[in-house]
PDB file of N, CA and C in Angstrom:
ATOM      1  N   MET A   1      13.365  16.412 -27.034  1.00  0.00           N
ATOM      2  CA  MET A   1      12.436  17.114 -28.680  1.00  0.00           C
ATOM      3  C   MET A   1      11.239  16.912 -27.894  1.00  0.00           C
ATOM      4  N   ILE A   2      10.314  17.922 -27.960  1.00  0.00           N
ATOM      5  CA  ILE A   2       9.007  18.137 -27.739  1.00  0.00           C
ATOM      6  C   ILE A   2       8.086  18.160 -28.751  1.00  0.00           C
ATOM      7  N   ASP A   3       6.985  16.960 -28.520  1.00  0.00           N
ATOM      8  CA  ASP A   3       6.391  17.272 -30.338  1.00  0.00           C
ATOM      9  C   ASP A   3       5.120  18.182 -30.605  1.00  0.00           C
ATOM     10  N   LYS A   4       5.186  18.267 -31.193  1.00  0.00           N
ATOM     11  CA  LYS A   4       4.080  19.618 -31.525  1.00  0.00           C
ATOM     12  C   LYS A   4       2.491  18.472 -31.832  1.00  0.00           C
ATOM     13  N   GLY A   5       2.400  19.813 -30.850  1.00  0.00           N
ATOM     14  CA  GLY A   5       0.439  18.900 -30.434  1.00  0.00           C
ATOM     15  C   GLY A   5       0.587  19.083 -28.842  1.00  0.00           C
ATOM     16  N   THR A   6       1.879  19.115 -28.188  1.00  0.00           N
ATOM     17  CA  THR A   6       1.821  19.037 -27.311  1.00  0.00           C
ATOM     18  C   THR A   6       1.273  20.647 -26.096  1.00  0.00           C
ATOM     19  N   PHE A   7       0.610  20.102 -24.315  1.00  0.00           N
ATOM     20  CA  PHE A   7       0.495  21.272 -24.383  1.00  0.00           C
ATOM     21  C   PHE A   7       1.615  21.315 -23.116  1.00  0.00           C
ATOM     22  N   VAL A   8       2.163  23.058 -23.502  1.00  0.00           N
ATOM     23  CA  VAL A   8       3.268  23.335 -23.392  1.00  0.00           C
ATOM     24  C   VAL A   8       2.805  25.200 -22.457  1.00  0.00           C
ATOM     25  N   ARG A   9       3.774  25.038 -21.438  1.00  0.00           N
ATOM     26  CA  ARG A   9       3.657  26.694 -21.141  1.00  0.00           C
ATOM     27  C   ARG A   9       5.154  26.969 -21.871  1.00  0.00           C
ATOM     28  N   ILE A  10       4.567  28.600 -22.129  1.00  0.00           N
ATOM     29  CA  ILE A  10       5.898  29.114 -22.459  1.00  0.00           C
ATOM     30  C   ILE A  10       5.813  30.529 -21.725  1.00  0.00           C
ATOM     31  N   ARG A  11       7.223  31.506 -21.891  1.00  0.00           N
ATOM     32  CA  ARG A  11       7.024  32.280 -21.353  1.00  0.00           C
ATOM     33  C   ARG A  11       7.668  33.585 -21.862  1.00  0.00           C
ATOM     34  N   LYS A  12       7.060  34.889 -21.670  1.00  0.00           N
ATOM     35  CA  LYS A  12       7.519  35.878 -23.242  1.00  0.00           C
ATOM     36  C   LYS A  12       7.748  37.451 -22.302  1.00  0.00           C
ATOM     37  N   THR A  13       8.344  37.692 -22.582  1.00  0.00           N
ATOM     38  CA  THR A  13       9.417  39.231 -22.046  1.00  0.00           C
ATOM     39  C   THR A  13       7.980  40.483 -22.815  1.00  0.00           C
ATOM     40  N   LEU A  14       7.365  41.127 -22.087  1.00  0.00           N
ATOM     41  CA  LEU A  14       6.548  41.434 -22.621  1.00  0.00           C
ATOM     42  C   LEU A  14       7.615  43.469 -22.314  1.00  0.00           C
ATOM     43  N   LEU A  15       7.879  43.760 -21.275  1.00  0.00           N
ATOM     44  CA  LEU A  15       8.752  44.742 -20.937  1.00  0.00           C
ATOM     45  C   LEU A  15      10.449  44.658 -20.319  1.00  0.00           C
ATOM     46  N   THR A  16      10.899  45.459 -21.179  1.00  0.00           N
ATOM     47  CA  THR A  16      12.254  45.170 -20.687  1.00  0.00           C
ATOM     48  C   THR A  16      12.151  46.445 -19.359  1.00  0.00           C
ATOM     49  N   PRO A  17      13.285  46.470 -18.882  1.00  0.00           N
ATOM     50  CA  PRO A  17      13.567  47.390 -17.384  1.00  0.00           C
ATOM     51  C   PRO A  17      13.245  49.153 -18.267  1.00  0.00           C
ATOM     52  N   GLU A  18      13.568  49.554 -19.998  1.00  0.00           N
ATOM     53  CA  GLU A  18      14.289  50.475 -20.011  1.00  0.00           C
ATOM     54  C   GLU A  18      12.564  51.160 -20.800  1.00  0.00           C
ATOM     55  N   GLU A  19      11.800  49.682 -21.283  1.00  0.00           N
ATOM     56  CA  GLU A  19      10.689  50.384 -21.680  1.00  0.00           C
ATOM     57  C   GLU A  19       9.533  50.773 -20.468  1.00  0.00           C
ATOM     58  N   ARG A  20      10.355  50.331 -18.834  1.00  0.00           N
ATOM     59  CA  ARG A  20       8.674  50.367 -17.845  1.00  0.00           C
ATOM     60  C   ARG A  20       8.269  51.847 -17.570  1.00  0.00           C
ATOM     61  N   SER A  21       7.383  51.972 -17.224  1.00  0.00           N
ATOM     62  CA  SER A  21       7.342  53.647 -16.975  1.00  0.00           C
ATOM     63  C   SER A  21       8.804  53.956 -15.782  1.00  0.00           C
ATOM     64  N   PRO A  22       8.464  55.094 -15.528  1.00  0.00           N
ATOM     65  CA  PRO A  22       9.172  56.155 -14.720  1.00  0.00           C
ATOM     66  C   PRO A  22       9.167  55.560 -14.028  1.00  0.00           C
ATOM     67  N   ASN A  23       7.560  56.134 -13.788  1.00  0.00           N
ATOM     68  CA  ASN A  23       6.910  56.533 -12.040  1.00  0.00           C
ATOM     69  C   ASN A  23       6.757  55.307 -10.992  1.00  0.00           C
ATOM     70  N   LEU A  24       7.423  54.047 -11.335  1.00  0.00           N
ATOM     71  CA  LEU A  24       7.213  52.885 -10.997  1.00  0.00           C
ATOM     72  C   LEU A  24       8.549  52.488  -9.928  1.00  0.00           C
ATOM     73  N   PRO A  25       8.533  52.134  -8.313  1.00  0.00           N
ATOM     74  CA  PRO A  25       9.528  51.753  -7.976  1.00  0.00           C
ATOM     75  C   PRO A  25      10.739  51.415  -8.354  1.00  0.00           C
ATOM     76  N   GLU A  26      11.859  51.826  -7.586  1.00  0.00           N
ATOM     77  CA  GLU A  26      13.245  51.428  -8.397  1.00  0.00           C
ATOM     78  C   GLU A  26      12.803  50.069  -8.506  1.00  0.00           C
ATOM     79  N   ASP A  27      12.810  49.190  -7.893  1.00  0.00           N
ATOM     80  CA  ASP A  27      13.312  47.466  -7.752  1.00  0.00           C
ATOM     81  C   ASP A  27      12.541  46.737  -9.108  1.00  0.00           C
ATOM     82  N   THR A  28      10.868  47.588  -8.327  1.00  0.00           N
ATOM     83  CA  THR A  28       9.784  46.900  -9.833  1.00  0.00           C
ATOM     84  C   THR A  28      10.623  47.259 -11.432  1.00  0.00           C
ATOM     85  N   LYS A  29      10.817  49.271 -11.420  1.00  0.00           N
ATOM     86  CA  LYS A  29      11.507  49.181 -12.653  1.00  0.00           C
ATOM     87  C   LYS A  29      12.843  48.867 -13.143  1.00  0.00           C
ATOM     88  N   GLU A  30      12.858  47.651 -12.606  1.00  0.00           N
ATOM     89  CA  GLU A  30      13.940  47.116 -13.272  1.00  0.00           C
ATOM     90  C   GLU A  30      14.418  46.444 -13.709  1.00  0.00           C
ATOM     91  N   THR A  31      13.299  45.539 -13.503  1.00  0.00           N
ATOM     92  CA  THR A  31      12.305  44.034 -13.557  1.00  0.00           C
ATOM     93  C   THR A  31      11.556  44.450 -15.092  1.00  0.00           C
ATOM     94  N   ARG A  32      12.694  42.620 -15.465  1.00  0.00           N
ATOM     95  CA  ARG A  32      11.623  42.584 -16.784  1.00  0.00           C
ATOM     96  C   ARG A  32      10.486  42.421 -16.231  1.00  0.00           C
ATOM     97  N   LEU A  33       8.985  43.134 -17.507  1.00  0.00           N
ATOM     98  CA  LEU A  33       7.387  42.190 -17.354  1.00  0.00           C
ATOM     99  C   LEU A  33       7.171  41.228 -17.900  1.00  0.00           C
ATOM    100  N   LYS A  34       7.124  39.938 -17.007  1.00  0.00           N
ATOM    101  CA  LYS A  34       6.881  38.846 -18.032  1.00  0.00           C
ATOM    102  C   LYS A  34       5.601  38.241 -17.744  1.00  0.00           C
ATOM    103  N   MET A  35       5.111  37.411 -18.734  1.00  0.00           N
ATOM    104  CA  MET A  35       4.203  36.742 -18.908  1.00  0.00           C
ATOM    105  C   MET A  35       4.338  35.161 -19.005  1.00  0.00           C
ATOM    106  N   TRP A  36       3.289  34.473 -18.406  1.00  0.00           N
ATOM    107  CA  TRP A  36       3.624  32.798 -18.822  1.00  0.00           C
ATOM    108  C   TRP A  36       1.930  32.210 -19.434  1.00  0.00           C
ATOM    109  N   ALA A  37       1.930  31.769 -20.463  1.00  0.00           N
ATOM    110  CA  ALA A  37       0.803  31.183 -20.850  1.00  0.00           C
ATOM    111  C   ALA A  37       0.891  29.964 -21.377  1.00  0.00           C
ATOM    112  N   LYS A  38      -0.115  29.166 -21.327  1.00  0.00           N
ATOM    113  CA  LYS A  38       0.069  27.239 -21.632  1.00  0.00           C
ATOM    114  C   LYS A  38      -1.143  27.454 -23.267  1.00  0.00           C
ATOM    115  N   GLY A  39      -0.352  26.303 -23.586  1.00  0.00           N
ATOM    116  CA  GLY A  39      -1.680  25.971 -24.960  1.00  0.00           C
ATOM    117  C   GLY A  39      -0.556  24.833 -25.992  1.00  0.00           C
ATOM    118  N   TYR A  40      -1.213  24.846 -27.236  1.00  0.00           N
ATOM    119  CA  TYR A  40      -0.408  23.669 -28.086  1.00  0.00           C
ATOM    120  C   TYR A  40       0.853  24.570 -28.256  1.00  0.00           C
ATOM    121  N   LEU A  41       1.424  23.483 -28.671  1.00  0.00           N
ATOM    122  CA  LEU A  41       2.824  23.113 -29.358  1.00  0.00           C
ATOM    123  C   LEU A  41       2.552  23.264 -31.118  1.00  0.00           C
ATOM    124  N   LEU A  42       2.858  23.874 -31.939  1.00  0.00           N
ATOM    125  CA  LEU A  42       2.653  24.755 -33.215  1.00  0.00           C
ATOM    126  C   LEU A  42       4.090  23.839 -34.249  1.00  0.00           C
ATOM    127  N   LYS A  43       4.774  23.431 -33.664  1.00  0.00           N
ATOM    128  CA  LYS A  43       6.107  22.688 -33.837  1.00  0.00           C
ATOM    129  C   LYS A  43       7.151  21.954 -33.083  1.00  0.00           C
ATOM    130  N   ASP A  44       7.015  20.771 -33.153  1.00  0.00           N
ATOM    131  CA  ASP A  44       8.424  20.112 -32.508  1.00  0.00           C
ATOM    132  C   ASP A  44       9.817  21.228 -31.624  1.00  0.00           C
ATOM    133  N   ALA A  45       9.427  21.093 -30.802  1.00  0.00           N
ATOM    134  CA  ALA A  45      11.091  21.721 -29.683  1.00  0.00           C
ATOM    135  C   ALA A  45      11.337  21.292 -28.834  1.00  0.00           C
ATOM    136  N   ASP A  46      12.463  22.191 -28.711  1.00  0.00           N
ATOM    137  CA  ASP A  46      13.401  21.375 -27.550  1.00  0.00           C
ATOM    138  C   ASP A  46      12.882  22.432 -26.221  1.00  0.00           C
ATOM    139  N   LEU A  47      13.493  21.898 -25.246  1.00  0.00           N
ATOM    140  CA  LEU A  47      13.343  23.616 -24.085  1.00  0.00           C
ATOM    141  C   LEU A  47      13.085  24.607 -24.296  1.00  0.00           C
ATOM    142  N   PHE A  48      13.438  25.812 -23.917  1.00  0.00           N
ATOM    143  CA  PHE A  48      14.121  27.309 -23.925  1.00  0.00           C
ATOM    144  C   PHE A  48      13.998  27.785 -25.708  1.00  0.00           C
ATOM    145  N   ASP A  49      13.630  26.416 -26.891  1.00  0.00           N
ATOM    146  CA  ASP A  49      13.400  27.072 -27.723  1.00  0.00           C
ATOM    147  C   ASP A  49      12.522  28.170 -27.978  1.00  0.00           C
ATOM    148  N   ILE A  50      12.758  29.848 -28.838  1.00  0.00           N
ATOM    149  CA  ILE A  50      11.620  30.327 -29.034  1.00  0.00           C
ATOM    150  C   ILE A  50      10.903  29.551 -30.024  1.00  0.00           C
ATOM    151  N   VAL A  51       9.402  29.153 -29.407  1.00  0.00           N
ATOM    152  CA  VAL A  51       8.461  29.027 -29.581  1.00  0.00           C
ATOM    153  C   VAL A  51       7.044  29.881 -30.289  1.00  0.00           C
ATOM    154  N   GLU A  52       6.230  29.088 -31.272  1.00  0.00           N
ATOM    155  CA  GLU A  52       4.472  29.366 -30.567  1.00  0.00           C
ATOM    156  C   GLU A  52       3.675  28.238 -30.028  1.00  0.00           C
ATOM    157  N   ILE A  53       3.029  28.498 -29.516  1.00  0.00           N
ATOM    158  CA  ILE A  53       1.929  27.935 -29.274  1.00  0.00           C
ATOM    159  C   ILE A  53       0.299  28.490 -29.914  1.00  0.00           C
ATOM    160  N   LYS A  54      -0.525  27.532 -29.540  1.00  0.00           N
ATOM    161  CA  LYS A  54      -2.573  27.792 -29.975  1.00  0.00           C
ATOM    162  C   LYS A  54      -3.121  27.863 -28.929  1.00  0.00           C
ATOM    163  N   THR A  55      -3.104  28.727 -27.583  1.00  0.00           N
ATOM    164  CA  THR A  55      -3.765  28.538 -26.671  1.00  0.00           C
ATOM    165  C   THR A  55      -5.007  28.001 -27.380  1.00  0.00           C
ATOM    166  N   ILE A  56      -5.879  28.021 -25.856  1.00  0.00           N
ATOM    167  CA  ILE A  56      -7.424  27.028 -25.564  1.00  0.00           C
ATOM    168  C   ILE A  56      -8.424  27.673 -26.441  1.00  0.00           C
ATOM    169  N   HIS A  57      -8.624  29.775 -26.719  1.00  0.00           N
ATOM    170  CA  HIS A  57      -8.554  30.323 -26.535  1.00  0.00           C
ATOM    171  C   HIS A  57      -8.382  30.469 -28.428  1.00  0.00           C
ATOM    172  N   GLY A  58      -7.885  30.044 -28.476  1.00  0.00           N
ATOM    173  CA  GLY A  58      -7.519  29.794 -29.912  1.00  0.00           C
ATOM    174  C   GLY A  58      -6.423  31.115 -30.835  1.00  0.00           C
ATOM    175  N   ARG A  59      -5.673  32.617 -30.141  1.00  0.00           N
ATOM    176  CA  ARG A  59      -4.323  32.179 -29.398  1.00  0.00           C
ATOM    177  C   ARG A  59      -3.076  31.802 -30.127  1.00  0.00           C
ATOM    178  N   ILE A  60      -2.508  32.433 -31.488  1.00  0.00           N
ATOM    179  CA  ILE A  60      -1.558  32.479 -30.993  1.00  0.00           C
ATOM    180  C   ILE A  60      -0.519  33.662 -30.331  1.00  0.00           C
ATOM    181  N   LEU A  61       0.451  32.098 -29.855  1.00  0.00           N
ATOM    182  CA  LEU A  61       1.480  33.774 -28.908  1.00  0.00           C
ATOM    183  C   LEU A  61       3.053  32.886 -29.095  1.00  0.00           C
ATOM    184  N   LYS A  62       4.542  33.072 -28.826  1.00  0.00           N
ATOM    185  CA  LYS A  62       5.242  33.598 -29.477  1.00  0.00           C
ATOM    186  C   LYS A  62       5.426  33.493 -27.909  1.00  0.00           C
ATOM    187  N   GLY A  63       6.516  32.736 -27.925  1.00  0.00           N
ATOM    188  CA  GLY A  63       7.836  32.534 -26.378  1.00  0.00           C
ATOM    189  C   GLY A  63       8.822  31.489 -26.573  1.00  0.00           C
ATOM    190  N   ARG A  64       9.523  31.626 -24.924  1.00  0.00           N
ATOM    191  CA  ARG A  64      10.504  30.648 -24.787  1.00  0.00           C
ATOM    192  C   ARG A  64       9.561  29.446 -24.468  1.00  0.00           C
ATOM    193  N   LEU A  65       9.969  28.096 -24.952  1.00  0.00           N
ATOM    194  CA  LEU A  65       9.346  26.929 -24.222  1.00  0.00           C
ATOM    195  C   LEU A  65      10.375  26.947 -22.334  1.00  0.00           C
ATOM    196  N   LYS A  66       8.995  26.829 -21.446  1.00  0.00           N
ATOM    197  CA  LYS A  66       9.680  26.604 -20.081  1.00  0.00           C
ATOM    198  C   LYS A  66       9.238  25.044 -20.236  1.00  0.00           C
ATOM    199  N   GLU A  67       8.022  24.252 -19.928  1.00  0.00           N
ATOM    200  CA  GLU A  67       7.401  22.990 -19.244  1.00  0.00           C
ATOM    201  C   GLU A  67       6.605  22.720 -20.657  1.00  0.00           C
ATOM    202  N   ALA A  68       7.091  21.310 -20.623  1.00  0.00           N
ATOM    203  CA  ALA A  68       5.996  20.790 -21.484  1.00  0.00           C
ATOM    204  C   ALA A  68       4.657  19.624 -20.211  1.00  0.00           C
ATOM    205  N   ASN A  69       3.780  19.863 -20.248  1.00  0.00           N
ATOM    206  CA  ASN A  69       2.486  19.119 -19.579  1.00  0.00           C
ATOM    207  C   ASN A  69       2.910  20.029 -18.351  1.00  0.00           C
ATOM    208  N   PRO A  70       2.706  21.346 -17.962  1.00  0.00           N
ATOM    209  CA  PRO A  70       2.187  22.132 -17.352  1.00  0.00           C
ATOM    210  C   PRO A  70       1.403  21.305 -15.928  1.00  0.00           C
ATOM    211  N   ARG A  71       1.932  21.613 -14.862  1.00  0.00           N
ATOM    212  CA  ARG A  71       0.743  20.686 -13.843  1.00  0.00           C
ATOM    213  C   ARG A  71       0.737  21.564 -12.742  1.00  0.00           C
ATOM    214  N   TYR A  72      -1.003  21.931 -12.701  1.00  0.00           N
ATOM    215  CA  TYR A  72      -1.205  23.040 -11.841  1.00  0.00           C
ATOM    216  C   TYR A  72      -0.511  23.156 -10.225  1.00  0.00           C
ATOM    217  N   LYS A  73       0.215  24.118  -9.815  1.00  0.00           N
ATOM    218  CA  LYS A  73       0.101  24.231  -8.791  1.00  0.00           C
ATOM    219  C   LYS A  73       0.345  25.637  -7.560  1.00  0.00           C
ATOM    220  N   HIS A  74      -0.856  26.373  -7.742  1.00  0.00           N
ATOM    221  CA  HIS A  74      -1.787  27.045  -6.841  1.00  0.00           C
ATOM    222  C   HIS A  74      -2.127  26.532  -5.582  1.00  0.00           C
ATOM    223  N   ASN A  75      -2.386  26.637  -5.136  1.00  0.00           N
ATOM    224  CA  ASN A  75      -2.888  26.695  -3.183  1.00  0.00           C
ATOM    225  C   ASN A  75      -2.851  27.682  -2.902  1.00  0.00           C
ATOM    226  N   PHE A  76      -3.646  27.149  -1.489  1.00  0.00           N
ATOM    227  CA  PHE A  76      -3.821  27.955  -0.656  1.00  0.00           C
ATOM    228  C   PHE A  76      -3.260  28.365   0.568  1.00  0.00           C
ATOM    229  N   GLY A  77      -1.678  28.552   0.322  1.00  0.00           N
ATOM    230  CA  GLY A  77      -1.482  29.065   1.260  1.00  0.00           C
ATOM    231  C   GLY A  77      -0.333  28.487   2.796  1.00  0.00           C
ATOM    232  N   ASP A  78       0.114  28.499   3.619  1.00  0.00           N
ATOM    233  CA  ASP A  78       0.622  28.252   4.353  1.00  0.00           C
ATOM    234  C   ASP A  78      -0.643  28.484   5.470  1.00  0.00           C
ATOM    235  N   PHE A  79      -0.197  26.887   6.328  1.00  0.00           N
ATOM    236  CA  PHE A  79      -1.078  27.634   7.602  1.00  0.00           C
ATOM    237  C   PHE A  79      -0.902  28.271   7.781  1.00  0.00           C
ATOM    238  N   VAL A  80      -2.351  28.497   8.629  1.00  0.00           N
ATOM    239  CA  VAL A  80      -2.032  29.487   9.484  1.00  0.00           C
ATOM    240  C   VAL A  80      -2.577  29.210  10.736  1.00  0.00           C
ATOM    241  N   PRO A  81      -2.522  28.742  11.880  1.00  0.00           N
ATOM    242  CA  PRO A  81      -3.468  28.401  13.347  1.00  0.00           C
ATOM    243  C   PRO A  81      -4.608  29.625  13.882  1.00  0.00           C
ATOM    244  N   GLU A  82      -4.046  30.402  14.131  1.00  0.00           N
ATOM    245  CA  GLU A  82      -5.099  31.216  14.145  1.00  0.00           C
ATOM    246  C   GLU A  82      -6.154  30.816  13.324  1.00  0.00           C
ATOM    247  N   ILE A  83      -6.206  30.821  12.238  1.00  0.00           N
ATOM    248  CA  ILE A  83      -7.151  30.403  12.050  1.00  0.00           C
ATOM    249  C   ILE A  83      -8.215  29.498  12.526  1.00  0.00           C
ATOM    250  N   LEU A  84      -7.606  28.422  12.918  1.00  0.00           N
ATOM    251  CA  LEU A  84      -7.705  26.648  13.644  1.00  0.00           C
ATOM    252  C   LEU A  84      -8.715  27.319  14.555  1.00  0.00           C
ATOM    253  N   THR A  85      -8.342  28.125  15.822  1.00  0.00           N
ATOM    254  CA  THR A  85      -8.817  28.728  16.514  1.00  0.00           C
ATOM    255  C   THR A  85      -9.853  29.466  16.154  1.00  0.00           C
ATOM    256  N   ILE A  86      -9.971  30.458  15.441  1.00  0.00           N
ATOM    257  CA  ILE A  86     -11.513  31.278  15.450  1.00  0.00           C
ATOM    258  C   ILE A  86     -12.051  30.203  14.488  1.00  0.00           C
ATOM    259  N   ARG A  87     -12.116  29.071  13.864  1.00  0.00           N
ATOM    260  CA  ARG A  87     -12.955  28.005  13.374  1.00  0.00           C
ATOM    261  C   ARG A  87     -13.707  26.801  14.849  1.00  0.00           C
ATOM    262  N   ASN A  88     -12.710  26.720  15.438  1.00  0.00           N
ATOM    263  CA  ASN A  88     -13.578  26.454  16.696  1.00  0.00           C
ATOM    264  C   ASN A  88     -13.836  27.822  17.484  1.00  0.00           C
ATOM    265  N   ILE A  89     -14.031  27.875  18.157  1.00  0.00           N
ATOM    266  CA  ILE A  89     -14.774  29.855  18.646  1.00  0.00           C
ATOM    267  C   ILE A  89     -15.953  29.931  17.629  1.00  0.00           C
ATOM    268  N   ILE A  90     -15.518  29.807  16.699  1.00  0.00           N
ATOM    269  CA  ILE A  90     -16.682  30.491  15.657  1.00  0.00           C
ATOM    270  C   ILE A  90     -18.074  28.814  16.054  1.00  0.00           C
ATOM    271  N   LYS A  91     -17.357  27.566  16.204  1.00  0.00           N
ATOM    272  CA  LYS A  91     -17.618  25.974  15.576  1.00  0.00           C
ATOM    273  C   LYS A  91     -18.637  25.892  17.498  1.00  0.00           C
ATOM    274  N   ALA A  92     -18.135  26.170  18.705  1.00  0.00           N
ATOM    275  CA  ALA A  92     -18.525  26.714  20.264  1.00  0.00           C
ATOM    276  C   ALA A  92     -19.619  27.036  20.005  1.00  0.00           C
ATOM    277  N   ASP A  93     -19.496  28.054  19.087  1.00  0.00           N
ATOM    278  CA  ASP A  93     -20.609  29.511  19.147  1.00  0.00           C
ATOM    279  C   ASP A  93     -21.778  29.031  18.775  1.00  0.00           C
ATOM    280  N   LEU A  94     -21.896  28.512  17.304  1.00  0.00           N
ATOM    281  CA  LEU A  94     -22.778  27.851  16.624  1.00  0.00           C
ATOM    282  C   LEU A  94     -23.653  26.733  17.714  1.00  0.00           C
ATOM    283  N   GLU A  95     -22.630  25.761  17.761  1.00  0.00           N
ATOM    284  CA  GLU A  95     -23.100  24.397  18.728  1.00  0.00           C
ATOM    285  C   GLU A  95     -24.050  24.834  19.605  1.00  0.00           C
ATOM    286  N   GLY A  96     -23.396  26.373  20.726  1.00  0.00           N
ATOM    287  CA  GLY A  96     -24.234  26.716  21.811  1.00  0.00           C
ATOM    288  C   GLY A  96     -25.672  26.855  21.252  1.00  0.00           C
ATOM    289  N   ASP A  97     -25.513  28.237  20.360  1.00  0.00           N
ATOM    290  CA  ASP A  97     -27.042  28.711  19.727  1.00  0.00           C
ATOM    291  C   ASP A  97     -27.959  27.652  19.612  1.00  0.00           C
ATOM    292  N   LEU A  98     -27.904  25.882  18.563  1.00  0.00           N
ATOM    293  CA  LEU A  98     -28.211  25.533  18.642  1.00  0.00           C
ATOM    294  C   LEU A  98     -29.226  24.112  19.895  1.00  0.00           C
ATOM    295  N   ASN A  99     -27.647  24.308  20.805  1.00  0.00           N
ATOM    296  CA  ASN A  99     -28.676  23.811  22.088  1.00  0.00           C
ATOM    297  C   ASN A  99     -29.687  24.583  23.058  1.00  0.00           C
ATOM    298  N   ASP A 100     -28.659  25.600  22.852  1.00  0.00           N
ATOM    299  CA  ASP A 100     -30.592  26.294  23.752  1.00  0.00           C
ATOM    300  C   ASP A 100     -31.513  26.708  23.659  1.00  0.00           C
TER     301      ASP A 100
END
């Protein structure tokens, strides 16, 4: 049981495949358009229940409860070795300009 007032993440389907534009590519057209939102749970609930939340901006949203106390999972992507090479070239150029 997840208590009322807990910060959670929900998922909501905005458009089913039938509701999507016919001008989309086939693989996109066949996929549901979903959104994820975070906010405070308005009533006690279990994972995967349909719930209402209040976002930090005060909006009330309804969706399927996916996670309690969600963590931030963003990053800057995979390591790209070429960027390190470019960094070294730029650094060498700058140091060369400073020593002339």
